[in-house]
PDB file of N, CA and C in Angstrom:
ATOM      1  N   UNK A   1     -48.981 -11.020 -29.985  1.00  0.00           N
ATOM      2  CA  UNK A   1     -50.050 -11.922 -30.366  1.00  0.00           C
ATOM      3  C   UNK A   1     -51.189 -11.158 -31.024  1.00  0.00           C
ATOM      4  N   UNK A   2     -51.396  -9.916 -30.592  1.00  0.00           N
ATOM      5  CA  UNK A   2     -52.455  -9.120 -31.211  1.00  0.00           C
ATOM      6  C   UNK A   2     -52.159  -8.875 -32.688  1.00  0.00           C
ATOM      7  N   UNK A   3     -50.900  -8.632 -32.992  1.00  0.00           N
ATOM      8  CA  UNK A   3     -50.518  -8.398 -34.381  1.00  0.00           C
ATOM      9  C   UNK A   3     -50.737  -9.662 -35.214  1.00  0.00           C
ATOM     10  N   UNK A   4     -50.409 -10.814 -34.644  1.00  0.00           N
ATOM     11  CA  UNK A   4     -50.647 -12.068 -35.357  1.00  0.00           C
ATOM     12  C   UNK A   4     -52.138 -12.294 -35.570  1.00  0.00           C
ATOM     13  N   UNK A   5     -52.937 -11.978 -34.566  1.00  0.00           N
ATOM     14  CA  UNK A   5     -54.394 -12.077 -34.717  1.00  0.00           C
ATOM     15  C   UNK A   5     -54.878 -11.167 -35.836  1.00  0.00           C
ATOM     16  N   UNK A   6     -54.359  -9.950 -35.868  1.00  0.00           N
ATOM     17  CA  UNK A   6     -54.733  -8.987 -36.893  1.00  0.00           C
ATOM     18  C   UNK A   6     -54.404  -9.523 -38.291  1.00  0.00           C
ATOM     19  N   UNK A   7     -53.257 -10.202 -38.397  1.00  0.00           N
ATOM     20  CA  UNK A   7     -52.840 -10.757 -39.681  1.00  0.00           C
ATOM     21  C   UNK A   7     -53.527 -12.078 -40.010  1.00  0.00           C
ATOM     22  N   UNK A   8     -54.244 -12.643 -39.042  1.00  0.00           N
ATOM     23  CA  UNK A   8     -54.910 -13.920 -39.244  1.00  0.00           C
ATOM     24  C   UNK A   8     -53.969 -15.111 -39.155  1.00  0.00           C
ATOM     25  N   UNK A   9     -52.884 -14.943 -38.427  1.00  0.00           N
ATOM     26  CA  UNK A   9     -51.882 -16.000 -38.277  1.00  0.00           C
ATOM     27  C   UNK A   9     -52.077 -16.675 -36.928  1.00  0.00           C
ATOM     28  N   UNK A  10     -52.154 -17.984 -36.935  1.00  0.00           N
ATOM     29  CA  UNK A  10     -52.259 -18.744 -35.692  1.00  0.00           C
ATOM     30  C   UNK A  10     -50.886 -18.809 -35.031  1.00  0.00           C
ATOM     31  N   UNK A  11     -50.847 -18.615 -33.729  1.00  0.00           N
ATOM     32  CA  UNK A  11     -49.583 -18.661 -32.993  1.00  0.00           C
ATOM     33  C   UNK A  11     -48.916 -20.024 -33.168  1.00  0.00           C
ATOM     34  N   UNK A  12     -49.694 -21.081 -33.235  1.00  0.00           N
ATOM     35  CA  UNK A  12     -49.143 -22.431 -33.399  1.00  0.00           C
ATOM     36  C   UNK A  12     -48.387 -22.580 -34.718  1.00  0.00           C
ATOM     37  N   UNK A  13     -48.790 -21.836 -35.755  1.00  0.00           N
ATOM     38  CA  UNK A  13     -48.074 -21.904 -37.025  1.00  0.00           C
ATOM     39  C   UNK A  13     -46.648 -21.391 -36.868  1.00  0.00           C
ATOM     40  N   UNK A  14     -46.484 -20.405 -36.012  1.00  0.00           N
ATOM     41  CA  UNK A  14     -45.167 -19.807 -35.797  1.00  0.00           C
ATOM     42  C   UNK A  14     -44.361 -20.615 -34.789  1.00  0.00           C
ATOM     43  N   UNK A  15     -44.987 -20.973 -33.682  1.00  0.00           N
ATOM     44  CA  UNK A  15     -44.254 -21.607 -32.587  1.00  0.00           C
ATOM     45  C   UNK A  15     -44.109 -23.120 -32.740  1.00  0.00           C
ATOM     46  N   UNK A  16     -44.959 -23.744 -33.516  1.00  0.00           N
ATOM     47  CA  UNK A  16     -44.892 -25.195 -33.688  1.00  0.00           C
ATOM     48  C   UNK A  16     -43.520 -25.697 -34.105  1.00  0.00           C
ATOM     49  N   UNK A  17     -42.944 -25.129 -35.168  1.00  0.00           N
ATOM     50  CA  UNK A  17     -41.603 -25.569 -35.561  1.00  0.00           C
ATOM     51  C   UNK A  17     -40.544 -25.318 -34.489  1.00  0.00           C
ATOM     52  N   UNK A  18     -40.727 -24.264 -33.704  1.00  0.00           N
ATOM     53  CA  UNK A  18     -39.766 -23.987 -32.620  1.00  0.00           C
ATOM     54  C   UNK A  18     -39.765 -25.125 -31.615  1.00  0.00           C
ATOM     55  N   UNK A  19     -40.969 -25.555 -31.217  1.00  0.00           N
ATOM     56  CA  UNK A  19     -41.062 -26.623 -30.222  1.00  0.00           C
ATOM     57  C   UNK A  19     -40.610 -27.963 -30.798  1.00  0.00           C
ATOM     58  N   UNK A  20     -40.962 -28.236 -32.045  1.00  0.00           N
ATOM     59  CA  UNK A  20     -40.574 -29.510 -32.654  1.00  0.00           C
ATOM     60  C   UNK A  20     -39.062 -29.646 -32.796  1.00  0.00           C
ATOM     61  N   UNK A  21     -38.395 -28.533 -33.039  1.00  0.00           N
ATOM     62  CA  UNK A  21     -36.936 -28.566 -33.196  1.00  0.00           C
ATOM     63  C   UNK A  21     -36.217 -28.199 -31.901  1.00  0.00           C
ATOM     64  N   UNK A  22     -36.970 -27.964 -30.852  1.00  0.00           N
ATOM     65  CA  UNK A  22     -36.455 -27.494 -29.556  1.00  0.00           C
ATOM     66  C   UNK A  22     -35.547 -26.280 -29.778  1.00  0.00           C
ATOM     67  N   UNK A  23     -36.003 -25.373 -30.629  1.00  0.00           N
ATOM     68  CA  UNK A  23     -35.415 -24.065 -30.897  1.00  0.00           C
ATOM     69  C   UNK A  23     -34.126 -24.088 -31.715  1.00  0.00           C
ATOM     70  N   UNK A  24     -33.736 -25.239 -32.264  1.00  0.00           N
ATOM     71  CA  UNK A  24     -32.499 -25.279 -33.051  1.00  0.00           C
ATOM     72  C   UNK A  24     -32.612 -24.496 -34.353  1.00  0.00           C
ATOM     73  N   UNK A  25     -33.825 -24.281 -34.827  1.00  0.00           N
ATOM     74  CA  UNK A  25     -34.010 -23.589 -36.103  1.00  0.00           C
ATOM     75  C   UNK A  25     -34.186 -22.082 -35.962  1.00  0.00           C
ATOM     76  N   UNK A  26     -34.137 -21.564 -34.722  1.00  0.00           N
ATOM     77  CA  UNK A  26     -34.410 -20.141 -34.556  1.00  0.00           C
ATOM     78  C   UNK A  26     -33.416 -19.428 -33.636  1.00  0.00           C
ATOM     79  N   UNK A  27     -32.715 -20.153 -32.790  1.00  0.00           N
ATOM     80  CA  UNK A  27     -31.787 -19.542 -31.836  1.00  0.00           C
ATOM     81  C   UNK A  27     -30.341 -19.848 -32.201  1.00  0.00           C
ATOM     82  N   UNK A  28     -29.425 -18.972 -31.774  1.00  0.00           N
ATOM     83  CA  UNK A  28     -28.002 -19.306 -31.915  1.00  0.00           C
ATOM     84  C   UNK A  28     -27.674 -20.549 -31.082  1.00  0.00           C
ATOM     85  N   UNK A  29     -26.672 -21.290 -31.513  1.00  0.00           N
ATOM     86  CA  UNK A  29     -26.346 -22.563 -30.878  1.00  0.00           C
ATOM     87  C   UNK A  29     -26.098 -22.421 -29.375  1.00  0.00           C
ATOM     88  N   UNK A  30     -25.417 -21.364 -28.942  1.00  0.00           N
ATOM     89  CA  UNK A  30     -25.146 -21.162 -27.518  1.00  0.00           C
ATOM     90  C   UNK A  30     -26.446 -21.035 -26.726  1.00  0.00           C
ATOM     91  N   UNK A  31     -27.416 -20.360 -27.293  1.00  0.00           N
ATOM     92  CA  UNK A  31     -28.713 -20.201 -26.628  1.00  0.00           C
ATOM     93  C   UNK A  31     -29.486 -21.512 -26.609  1.00  0.00           C
ATOM     94  N   UNK A  32     -29.400 -22.259 -27.702  1.00  0.00           N
ATOM     95  CA  UNK A  32     -30.055 -23.571 -27.754  1.00  0.00           C
ATOM     96  C   UNK A  32     -29.511 -24.462 -26.645  1.00  0.00           C
ATOM     97  N   UNK A  33     -28.201 -24.476 -26.485  1.00  0.00           N
ATOM     98  CA  UNK A  33     -27.593 -25.311 -25.450  1.00  0.00           C
ATOM     99  C   UNK A  33     -28.041 -24.896 -24.057  1.00  0.00           C
ATOM    100  N   UNK A  34     -28.205 -23.613 -23.836  1.00  0.00           N
ATOM    101  CA  UNK A  34     -28.674 -23.134 -22.526  1.00  0.00           C
ATOM    102  C   UNK A  34     -30.108 -23.587 -22.277  1.00  0.00           C
ATOM    103  N   UNK A  35     -30.965 -23.464 -23.268  1.00  0.00           N
ATOM    104  CA  UNK A  35     -32.352 -23.921 -23.126  1.00  0.00           C
ATOM    105  C   UNK A  35     -32.369 -25.418 -22.843  1.00  0.00           C
ATOM    106  N   UNK A  36     -31.566 -26.176 -23.577  1.00  0.00           N
ATOM    107  CA  UNK A  36     -31.505 -27.621 -23.353  1.00  0.00           C
ATOM    108  C   UNK A  36     -30.992 -27.955 -21.961  1.00  0.00           C
ATOM    109  N   UNK A  37     -29.981 -27.210 -21.490  1.00  0.00           N
ATOM    110  CA  UNK A  37     -29.463 -27.443 -20.137  1.00  0.00           C
ATOM    111  C   UNK A  37     -30.565 -27.308 -19.104  1.00  0.00           C
ATOM    112  N   UNK A  38     -31.321 -26.234 -19.206  1.00  0.00           N
ATOM    113  CA  UNK A  38     -32.395 -26.005 -18.237  1.00  0.00           C
ATOM    114  C   UNK A  38     -33.460 -27.086 -18.363  1.00  0.00           C
ATOM    115  N   UNK A  39     -33.790 -27.456 -19.575  1.00  0.00           N
ATOM    116  CA  UNK A  39     -34.807 -28.485 -19.793  1.00  0.00           C
ATOM    117  C   UNK A  39     -34.353 -29.849 -19.270  1.00  0.00           C
ATOM    118  N   UNK A  40     -33.161 -30.261 -19.639  1.00  0.00           N
ATOM    119  CA  UNK A  40     -32.700 -31.607 -19.306  1.00  0.00           C
ATOM    120  C   UNK A  40     -32.177 -31.732 -17.879  1.00  0.00           C
ATOM    121  N   UNK A  41     -31.455 -30.738 -17.410  1.00  0.00           N
ATOM    122  CA  UNK A  41     -30.870 -30.822 -16.076  1.00  0.00           C
ATOM    123  C   UNK A  41     -31.899 -30.535 -14.994  1.00  0.00           C
ATOM    124  N   UNK A  42     -32.652 -29.461 -15.174  1.00  0.00           N
ATOM    125  CA  UNK A  42     -33.642 -29.065 -14.169  1.00  0.00           C
ATOM    126  C   UNK A  42     -35.003 -29.703 -14.404  1.00  0.00           C
ATOM    127  N   UNK A  43     -35.244 -30.203 -15.611  1.00  0.00           N
ATOM    128  CA  UNK A  43     -36.558 -30.751 -15.936  1.00  0.00           C
ATOM    129  C   UNK A  43     -37.623 -29.672 -16.018  1.00  0.00           C
ATOM    130  N   UNK A  44     -37.194 -28.451 -16.298  1.00  0.00           N
ATOM    131  CA  UNK A  44     -38.086 -27.298 -16.298  1.00  0.00           C
ATOM    132  C   UNK A  44     -38.669 -27.088 -17.694  1.00  0.00           C
ATOM    133  N   UNK A  45     -39.841 -27.653 -17.937  1.00  0.00           N
ATOM    134  CA  UNK A  45     -40.499 -27.503 -19.241  1.00  0.00           C
ATOM    135  C   UNK A  45     -41.066 -26.105 -19.440  1.00  0.00           C
ATOM    136  N   UNK A  46     -41.272 -25.386 -18.348  1.00  0.00           N
ATOM    137  CA  UNK A  46     -41.786 -24.016 -18.447  1.00  0.00           C
ATOM    138  C   UNK A  46     -40.809 -23.147 -19.235  1.00  0.00           C
ATOM    139  N   UNK A  47     -39.529 -23.478 -19.156  1.00  0.00           N
ATOM    140  CA  UNK A  47     -38.501 -22.724 -19.872  1.00  0.00           C
ATOM    141  C   UNK A  47     -38.777 -22.704 -21.371  1.00  0.00           C
ATOM    142  N   UNK A  48     -39.320 -23.776 -21.913  1.00  0.00           N
ATOM    143  CA  UNK A  48     -39.634 -23.812 -23.341  1.00  0.00           C
ATOM    144  C   UNK A  48     -40.675 -22.759 -23.698  1.00  0.00           C
ATOM    145  N   UNK A  49     -41.701 -22.634 -22.875  1.00  0.00           N
ATOM    146  CA  UNK A  49     -42.752 -21.652 -23.136  1.00  0.00           C
ATOM    147  C   UNK A  49     -42.253 -20.233 -22.910  1.00  0.00           C
ATOM    148  N   UNK A  50     -41.416 -20.049 -21.908  1.00  0.00           N
ATOM    149  CA  UNK A  50     -40.836 -18.720 -21.674  1.00  0.00           C
ATOM    150  C   UNK A  50     -39.947 -18.306 -22.838  1.00  0.00           C
ATOM    151  N   UNK A  51     -39.206 -19.247 -23.369  1.00  0.00           N
ATOM    152  CA  UNK A  51     -38.356 -18.961 -24.524  1.00  0.00           C
ATOM    153  C   UNK A  51     -39.206 -18.572 -25.727  1.00  0.00           C
ATOM    154  N   UNK A  52     -40.283 -19.306 -25.964  1.00  0.00           N
ATOM    155  CA  UNK A  52     -41.174 -18.988 -27.085  1.00  0.00           C
ATOM    156  C   UNK A  52     -41.809 -17.613 -26.908  1.00  0.00           C
ATOM    157  N   UNK A  53     -42.233 -17.294 -25.697  1.00  0.00           N
ATOM    158  CA  UNK A  53     -42.817 -15.972 -25.446  1.00  0.00           C
ATOM    159  C   UNK A  53     -41.800 -14.866 -25.676  1.00  0.00           C
ATOM    160  N   UNK A  54     -40.574 -15.087 -25.241  1.00  0.00           N
ATOM    161  CA  UNK A  54     -39.525 -14.088 -25.453  1.00  0.00           C
ATOM    162  C   UNK A  54     -39.262 -13.883 -26.941  1.00  0.00           C
ATOM    163  N   UNK A  55     -39.264 -14.966 -27.700  1.00  0.00           N
ATOM    164  CA  UNK A  55     -39.063 -14.846 -29.146  1.00  0.00           C
ATOM    165  C   UNK A  55     -40.217 -14.111 -29.813  1.00  0.00           C
ATOM    166  N   UNK A  56     -41.437 -14.381 -29.377  1.00  0.00           N
ATOM    167  CA  UNK A  56     -42.592 -13.667 -29.938  1.00  0.00           C
ATOM    168  C   UNK A  56     -42.503 -12.179 -29.646  1.00  0.00           C
ATOM    169  N   UNK A  57     -42.060 -11.822 -28.458  1.00  0.00           N
ATOM    170  CA  UNK A  57     -41.898 -10.401 -28.126  1.00  0.00           C
ATOM    171  C   UNK A  57     -40.784  -9.775 -28.947  1.00  0.00           C
ATOM    172  N   UNK A  58     -39.729 -10.548 -29.191  1.00  0.00           N
ATOM    173  CA  UNK A  58     -38.583 -10.051 -29.958  1.00  0.00           C
ATOM    174  C   UNK A  58     -38.968  -9.752 -31.398  1.00  0.00           C
ATOM    175  N   UNK A  59     -39.767 -10.640 -31.986  1.00  0.00           N
ATOM    176  CA  UNK A  59     -40.181 -10.458 -33.368  1.00  0.00           C
ATOM    177  C   UNK A  59     -41.417  -9.615 -33.437  1.00  0.00           C
TER     178      UNK A  59
END
């Protein structure tokens, strides 16, 4: 996030499309299905934010 701040990029600009597509535009299909399983079966919305944080760390 510090690097994005340095570049003047808002985190929402990067993560917004991820949340709107529920990660279909950024993750492999197998990973998308796992995120959806946790979201729909467990009702765990925190998983969405953890996934976004992991992607930010990865990039």
